[in-house]
Amino acid sequence: MTITLDELVTKALRREAPSRAAAERLLSEEFDVLDVVAAAGRVRRHFFGNRVKLNTIINMKSGLCPEDCTYCSQRLGSDSEILKYSWVKAEEAATAADEAAEAGAKRICLVASGRGPGQRDIERVSETIEAVRRKQPDVEICACLGLLGDGQAEQLREAGAYAYSHNLNTNERRYAEICSTHAFEDRVETVRNATGAGLSPCSGAIFGMGESDEDVVSLAFELRELDPDSVPINFLIPMEGTPMAGEWRLTPQRCLRILALYRFFFPDVEVRLAGGREIHLRNVEAMALQLANSIFLGDYLTSEGRTGDQDRQLIADAGFVVEGSRERTLPQQREDLVNIRRRGVGTDVASNV
């Protein structure tokens, strides 16, 4: 029995994921890409209306990474002519955050290269969070520092971080093909640790690395198990000096299908257009806003983005509005899923087992 796009929409509005077979059909040519975008766009508008959330990246430590992720220009052995520097001062980062917030950014992402932070690094980031908060108390601060050790997520939460970002990047089956210095499970554990510490979990993917339709769908299921609040969708920029230089595999239509698929898997979650969007979506980027409700504003970690004026014009031309700093991003309906336990151990009411 096959499923229609209308039935997929109905399932998504109930927050139910597509079956594997239905998901793979979305990536195929079976459905016209415009029909797929229109269907997933209904889900996006149901939960997020016409709002687009703006986020910005502050690269606090660039290059010099000991990990060998093949897609990354900051990797060990990279010959990419990127900026390389150690930790920027807290006030410099806070000034950049202030400028971004004044330009409309609601979330400030503090990112640093490396396997994971040491204790001094946690202290540096905590100082930066404090400096950002002095100027912009209402912004969400997201840290992205690599694999976390024991207690580090709690320290970041206590310092004032709102979220922690750590992408799975690709599915478990093929993870060893893109990295040998850590494992897929290491990334999963970090996301779970961040969630357990009370940080909003942010975890997504990079596409264009030779993954099959089956891989794209498998990763969606694996990410869904982590129940993230935001899912960044990156499209590979095959930087010179990395093992993936010259790997230009994506088309705008492929990118739209992937975004639509992830909207069906994450109907009420912040799906964010991230790195490579300008390069790979090209003239259909406005159409991608029918699927994603969040974008990065300004430059990325090692590559440049468009100007803020260009992105704000893109949003306006597509009929969307920038989400305000005091507006709720995730829909109110998610709170309906939370029920305080009042049965089982510690009560006089039988459990539900």
Protein backbone atom coordinates (compact mmCIF):
# COMPACT_ATOMS: atom_id res chain seq x y z
CA MET A 1 0.00 0.00 0.00
CA THR A 2 1.43 3.37 -1.00
CA ILE A 3 0.90 6.63 0.87
CA THR A 4 -0.05 9.97 -0.64
CA LEU A 5 1.51 13.34 0.12
CA ASP A 6 -1.74 14.39 1.82
CA GLU A 7 -1.47 11.37 4.11
CA LEU A 8 2.16 12.26 4.93
CA VAL A 9 1.03 15.77 5.84
CA THR A 10 -1.70 14.38 8.11
CA LYS A 11 0.85 12.14 9.85
CA ALA A 12 3.28 15.02 10.29
CA LEU A 13 0.60 17.21 11.85
CA ARG A 14 0.22 14.41 14.41
CA ARG A 15 4.02 14.49 14.83
CA GLU A 16 4.40 11.03 13.33
CA ALA A 17 7.41 10.20 11.16
CA PRO A 18 7.09 8.77 7.65
CA SER A 19 7.82 5.11 7.14
CA ARG A 20 11.19 4.27 5.62
CA ALA A 21 9.56 3.35 2.32
CA ALA A 22 7.58 6.60 2.16
CA ALA A 23 10.66 8.64 3.05
CA GLU A 24 12.71 7.09 0.27
CA ARG A 25 9.89 7.81 -2.19
CA LEU A 26 10.10 11.51 -1.28
CA LEU A 27 13.75 11.51 -2.37
CA SER A 28 13.00 9.75 -5.63
CA GLU A 29 11.46 11.18 -8.78
CA GLU A 30 8.13 9.52 -8.01
CA PHE A 31 6.68 12.75 -6.61
CA ASP A 32 7.27 16.02 -8.44
CA VAL A 33 9.61 18.20 -6.40
CA LEU A 34 7.14 21.11 -6.38
CA ASP A 35 4.44 18.84 -4.98
CA VAL A 36 6.81 17.64 -2.27
CA VAL A 37 7.74 21.21 -1.32
CA ALA A 38 4.08 22.26 -1.26
CA ALA A 39 3.14 19.35 1.02
CA ALA A 40 6.02 19.84 3.47
CA GLY A 41 5.36 23.58 3.36
CA ARG A 42 1.90 22.96 4.79
CA VAL A 43 3.53 21.33 7.80
CA ARG A 44 6.02 24.18 8.21
CA ARG A 45 3.28 26.82 8.12
CA HIS A 46 1.06 24.88 10.52
CA PHE A 47 3.69 24.91 13.26
CA PHE A 48 5.72 28.05 12.45
CA GLY A 49 3.52 30.30 10.34
CA ASN A 50 5.51 32.77 8.26
CA ARG A 51 8.30 33.35 10.79
CA VAL A 52 12.02 32.86 10.06
CA LYS A 53 14.45 32.71 12.95
CA LEU A 54 17.90 34.27 12.44
CA ASN A 55 21.03 32.76 13.98
CA THR A 56 24.67 33.74 13.71
CA ILE A 57 27.99 31.93 14.17
CA ILE A 58 30.95 33.34 16.06
CA ASN A 59 34.03 31.25 15.31
CA MET A 60 35.98 31.58 18.53
CA LYS A 61 38.84 29.26 17.53
CA SER A 62 39.51 28.47 13.88
CA GLY A 63 41.49 25.62 12.35
CA LEU A 64 44.17 23.69 14.23
CA CYS A 65 41.86 20.71 14.85
CA PRO A 66 43.31 17.25 15.66
CA GLU A 67 40.31 15.38 14.20
CA ASP A 68 40.34 14.05 10.63
CA CYS A 69 36.74 14.68 9.48
CA THR A 70 37.09 14.50 5.70
CA TYR A 71 34.52 17.21 4.96
CA CYS A 72 36.12 19.85 7.19
CA SER A 73 38.62 22.52 6.18
CA GLN A 74 39.76 22.76 9.82
CA ARG A 75 40.75 19.09 9.96
CA LEU A 76 44.12 17.62 10.78
CA GLY A 77 46.26 17.85 7.64
CA SER A 78 44.02 20.31 5.84
CA ASP A 79 45.70 22.47 3.21
CA SER A 80 42.75 24.84 2.96
CA GLU A 81 43.76 28.47 3.12
CA ILE A 82 41.31 29.29 5.90
CA LEU A 83 41.77 31.62 8.83
CA LYS A 84 43.66 29.92 11.65
CA TYR A 85 43.72 31.44 15.11
CA SER A 86 43.43 30.50 18.74
CA TRP A 87 40.75 31.72 21.14
CA VAL A 88 39.38 35.21 20.58
CA LYS A 89 38.85 37.43 23.60
CA ALA A 90 35.49 37.44 25.32
CA GLU A 91 34.86 41.11 24.56
CA GLU A 92 35.65 40.68 20.87
CA ALA A 93 33.12 37.85 20.65
CA ALA A 94 30.59 39.87 22.65
CA THR A 95 30.93 42.81 20.28
CA ALA A 96 30.29 40.54 17.30
CA ALA A 97 27.29 39.04 19.11
CA ASP A 98 25.93 42.48 19.85
CA GLU A 99 26.16 43.49 16.18
CA ALA A 100 24.42 40.28 15.11
CA ALA A 101 21.62 40.68 17.66
CA GLU A 102 21.03 44.25 16.54
CA ALA A 103 20.78 42.90 12.97
CA GLY A 104 18.03 40.48 14.04
CA ALA A 105 19.85 37.35 15.21
CA LYS A 106 17.97 35.60 17.98
CA ARG A 107 20.54 32.87 18.62
CA ILE A 108 24.30 33.36 18.97
CA CYS A 109 26.33 30.22 18.28
CA LEU A 110 29.74 30.17 19.96
CA VAL A 111 31.82 27.64 18.03
CA ALA A 112 35.36 26.39 18.51
CA SER A 113 37.36 23.82 16.57
CA GLY A 114 38.88 20.83 18.31
CA ARG A 115 38.00 17.40 19.60
CA GLY A 116 36.42 18.86 22.71
CA PRO A 117 37.00 21.54 25.35
CA GLY A 118 39.41 21.41 28.25
CA GLN A 119 38.55 23.03 31.56
CA ARG A 120 40.25 26.29 30.57
CA ASP A 121 38.20 26.30 27.38
CA ILE A 122 34.98 25.94 29.36
CA GLU A 123 36.08 28.89 31.47
CA ARG A 124 36.81 30.96 28.35
CA VAL A 125 33.38 30.20 26.91
CA SER A 126 31.73 30.95 30.24
CA GLU A 127 33.45 34.35 30.30
CA THR A 128 32.23 34.98 26.76
CA ILE A 129 28.67 34.01 27.65
CA GLU A 130 28.75 36.48 30.53
CA ALA A 131 30.10 39.22 28.24
CA VAL A 132 27.40 38.54 25.63
CA ARG A 133 24.68 38.54 28.28
CA ARG A 134 25.75 41.97 29.54
CA LYS A 135 24.96 43.50 26.15
CA GLN A 136 22.21 41.19 24.91
CA PRO A 137 20.40 39.51 27.81
CA ASP A 138 17.57 38.15 25.64
CA VAL A 139 19.51 36.22 23.00
CA GLU A 140 19.80 32.45 23.04
CA ILE A 141 23.41 31.36 23.41
CA CYS A 142 24.37 28.06 21.85
CA ALA A 143 27.77 26.45 22.41
CA CYS A 144 29.39 24.13 19.87
CA LEU A 145 32.71 22.90 21.22
CA GLY A 146 32.98 19.27 20.16
CA LEU A 147 32.77 16.18 22.36
CA LEU A 148 31.90 16.98 25.98
CA GLY A 149 33.48 15.40 29.04
CA ASP A 150 31.86 14.62 32.37
CA GLY A 151 30.16 17.62 33.92
CA GLN A 152 31.00 20.04 31.11
CA ALA A 153 27.44 20.35 29.83
CA GLU A 154 26.33 21.24 33.35
CA GLN A 155 29.04 23.88 33.58
CA LEU A 156 27.92 25.46 30.32
CA ARG A 157 24.31 25.45 31.48
CA GLU A 158 25.27 27.12 34.76
CA ALA A 159 27.27 29.72 32.83
CA GLY A 160 24.13 30.72 30.92
CA ALA A 161 24.24 28.67 27.74
CA TYR A 162 20.80 27.90 26.36
CA ALA A 163 21.66 25.21 23.81
CA TYR A 164 24.41 22.86 22.74
CA SER A 165 25.03 21.98 19.10
CA HIS A 166 26.72 18.80 17.96
CA ASN A 167 25.82 17.41 14.54
CA LEU A 168 25.72 13.70 13.75
CA ASN A 169 26.65 14.71 10.18
CA THR A 170 25.97 11.34 8.56
CA ASN A 171 24.37 8.06 9.53
CA GLU A 172 25.96 5.46 11.76
CA ARG A 173 26.53 2.87 9.00
CA ARG A 174 28.88 5.10 7.02
CA TYR A 175 30.29 7.31 9.75
CA ALA A 176 33.70 5.63 9.68
CA GLU A 177 33.98 6.64 6.01
CA ILE A 178 34.13 10.32 6.93
CA CYS A 179 36.03 10.22 10.24
CA SER A 180 38.42 7.84 11.99
CA THR A 181 39.42 9.83 15.09
CA HIS A 182 36.08 9.48 16.86
CA ALA A 183 32.94 7.39 16.42
CA PHE A 184 29.28 8.03 15.69
CA GLU A 185 28.39 6.94 19.22
CA ASP A 186 30.72 9.61 20.65
CA ARG A 187 28.57 12.25 18.98
CA VAL A 188 25.33 10.65 20.13
CA GLU A 189 26.61 10.54 23.71
CA THR A 190 27.51 14.24 23.64
CA VAL A 191 24.03 15.23 22.43
CA ARG A 192 22.47 13.08 25.14
CA ASN A 193 24.74 14.55 27.82
CA ALA A 194 23.81 18.07 26.76
CA THR A 195 20.13 17.24 26.84
CA GLY A 196 20.47 15.62 30.25
CA ALA A 197 22.12 18.76 31.60
CA GLY A 198 19.15 20.88 30.56
CA LEU A 199 20.63 22.36 27.40
CA SER A 200 18.43 22.58 24.32
CA PRO A 201 19.76 19.88 21.96
CA CYS A 202 20.78 20.97 18.46
CA SER A 203 21.94 18.26 16.06
CA GLY A 204 21.82 17.95 12.30
CA ALA A 205 23.63 16.77 9.22
CA ILE A 206 25.81 17.50 6.22
CA PHE A 207 24.63 16.30 2.82
CA GLY A 208 26.55 15.99 -0.43
CA MET A 209 29.17 13.54 0.87
CA GLY A 210 28.13 10.63 -1.32
CA GLU A 211 25.31 9.39 0.88
CA SER A 212 22.55 7.28 -0.67
CA ASP A 213 18.81 7.82 -0.24
CA GLU A 214 18.89 5.04 2.32
CA ASP A 215 21.62 6.88 4.25
CA VAL A 216 19.65 10.14 4.25
CA VAL A 217 16.61 8.37 5.65
CA SER A 218 18.59 6.35 8.22
CA LEU A 219 20.11 9.54 9.59
CA ALA A 220 16.65 11.09 9.92
CA PHE A 221 15.54 8.16 12.09
CA GLU A 222 18.77 8.32 14.14
CA LEU A 223 18.39 12.04 14.73
CA ARG A 224 14.74 11.63 15.66
CA GLU A 225 15.77 9.24 18.46
CA LEU A 226 17.70 12.15 20.03
CA ASP A 227 14.61 14.40 20.00
CA PRO A 228 16.50 17.61 19.11
CA ASP A 229 14.93 21.06 19.37
CA SER A 230 16.77 22.23 16.26
CA VAL A 231 18.14 20.41 13.22
CA PRO A 232 20.71 22.29 11.10
CA ILE A 233 20.86 21.11 7.49
CA ASN A 234 24.26 21.75 5.90
CA PHE A 235 25.15 21.17 2.27
CA LEU A 236 28.79 20.26 1.74
CA ILE A 237 31.12 22.99 0.54
CA PRO A 238 33.93 20.87 -0.94
CA MET A 239 36.81 23.10 0.12
CA GLU A 240 40.16 22.84 -1.62
CA GLY A 241 42.72 21.17 0.63
CA THR A 242 40.29 18.57 2.02
CA PRO A 243 39.69 14.96 0.88
CA MET A 244 36.27 16.01 -0.44
CA ALA A 245 37.52 18.79 -2.68
CA GLY A 246 35.73 18.63 -6.02
CA GLU A 247 32.80 16.57 -4.69
CA TRP A 248 29.99 18.62 -6.23
CA ARG A 249 27.15 16.09 -6.04
CA LEU A 250 24.12 18.18 -5.11
CA THR A 251 21.47 19.85 -7.23
CA PRO A 252 18.95 22.44 -6.00
CA GLN A 253 16.18 19.85 -6.45
CA ARG A 254 18.05 17.30 -4.33
CA CYS A 255 18.50 19.90 -1.59
CA LEU A 256 14.79 20.74 -1.62
CA ARG A 257 13.82 17.07 -1.35
CA ILE A 258 16.17 16.58 1.61
CA LEU A 259 14.78 19.64 3.37
CA ALA A 260 11.22 18.48 2.76
CA LEU A 261 12.04 15.02 4.08
CA TYR A 262 13.48 16.46 7.29
CA ARG A 263 10.46 18.71 7.73
CA PHE A 264 8.27 15.61 7.63
CA PHE A 265 10.52 13.93 10.21
CA PHE A 266 10.74 17.05 12.39
CA PRO A 267 7.40 18.81 11.88
CA ASP A 268 7.46 20.97 15.01
CA VAL A 269 11.23 21.32 15.35
CA GLU A 270 13.45 24.18 14.21
CA VAL A 271 14.82 23.05 10.85
CA ARG A 272 17.68 25.41 9.99
CA LEU A 273 19.21 26.20 6.62
CA ALA A 274 22.92 26.21 7.34
CA GLY A 275 26.24 26.02 5.48
CA GLY A 276 26.25 25.78 1.70
CA ARG A 277 22.67 26.98 1.20
CA GLU A 278 23.60 29.88 -1.06
CA ILE A 279 25.89 27.74 -3.20
CA HIS A 280 23.68 24.70 -3.69
CA LEU A 281 20.13 26.08 -3.59
CA ARG A 282 21.02 29.04 -5.78
CA ASN A 283 17.90 30.48 -7.45
CA VAL A 284 15.47 28.32 -5.46
CA GLU A 285 16.65 29.38 -2.02
CA ALA A 286 13.46 31.35 -1.41
CA MET A 287 11.56 28.11 -2.03
CA ALA A 288 13.62 26.46 0.71
CA LEU A 289 12.11 28.90 3.21
CA GLN A 290 8.81 27.11 2.61
CA LEU A 291 10.50 24.17 4.39
CA ALA A 292 13.01 25.59 6.86
CA ASN A 293 11.97 28.06 9.55
CA SER A 294 15.48 29.15 10.53
CA ILE A 295 18.67 30.29 8.79
CA PHE A 296 22.17 31.41 9.66
CA LEU A 297 22.77 35.12 9.15
CA GLY A 298 26.17 36.31 7.97
CA ASP A 299 29.32 34.22 7.59
CA TYR A 300 29.94 30.59 8.50
CA LEU A 301 32.92 28.99 10.23
CA THR A 302 35.43 29.15 7.38
CA SER A 303 33.39 30.41 4.41
CA GLU A 304 31.57 33.65 3.78
CA GLY A 305 27.82 34.02 3.50
CA ARG A 306 25.74 36.75 1.96
CA THR A 307 25.22 40.11 3.61
CA GLY A 308 22.52 40.52 6.20
CA ASP A 309 20.66 42.92 3.94
CA GLN A 310 20.53 40.30 1.18
CA ASP A 311 19.19 37.63 3.53
CA ARG A 312 16.59 39.93 5.06
CA GLN A 313 15.48 40.87 1.55
CA LEU A 314 15.27 37.18 0.63
CA ILE A 315 13.00 36.59 3.61
CA ALA A 316 10.77 39.56 2.78
CA ASP A 317 10.56 38.71 -0.92
CA ALA A 318 9.44 35.17 -0.07
CA GLY A 319 6.61 36.53 2.07
CA PHE A 320 8.14 35.74 5.46
CA VAL A 321 9.00 37.86 8.49
CA VAL A 322 11.96 37.76 10.88
CA GLU A 323 11.07 36.18 14.21
CA GLY A 324 11.38 38.61 17.12
CA SER A 325 13.71 38.00 20.04
CA ARG A 326 10.82 37.67 22.49
CA GLU A 327 8.73 35.36 20.31
CA ARG A 328 8.55 31.65 20.98
CA THR A 329 10.34 29.58 18.33
CA LEU A 330 9.06 26.10 19.05
CA PRO A 331 5.29 25.89 18.86
CA GLN A 332 3.23 25.96 22.02
CA GLN A 333 1.88 22.53 21.19
CA ARG A 334 5.16 20.84 22.21
CA GLU A 335 4.45 21.75 25.82
CA ASP A 336 1.28 19.69 25.61
CA LEU A 337 3.47 16.61 25.32
CA VAL A 338 4.94 17.13 28.81
CA ASN A 339 3.02 15.55 31.66
CA ILE A 340 4.26 15.71 35.24
CA ARG A 341 4.45 12.19 36.66
CA ARG A 342 1.87 11.69 39.38
CA ARG A 343 1.76 7.89 39.43
CA GLY A 344 4.06 4.99 40.17
CA VAL A 345 6.95 5.01 42.63
CA GLY A 346 6.49 7.61 45.35
CA THR A 347 2.70 7.83 44.91
CA ASP A 348 -0.38 5.84 45.81
CA VAL A 349 -1.33 5.49 42.14
CA ALA A 350 -0.39 2.46 40.07
CA SER A 351 2.20 2.94 37.34
CA ASN A 352 1.29 2.62 33.66
CA VAL A 353 3.52 -0.38 32.95
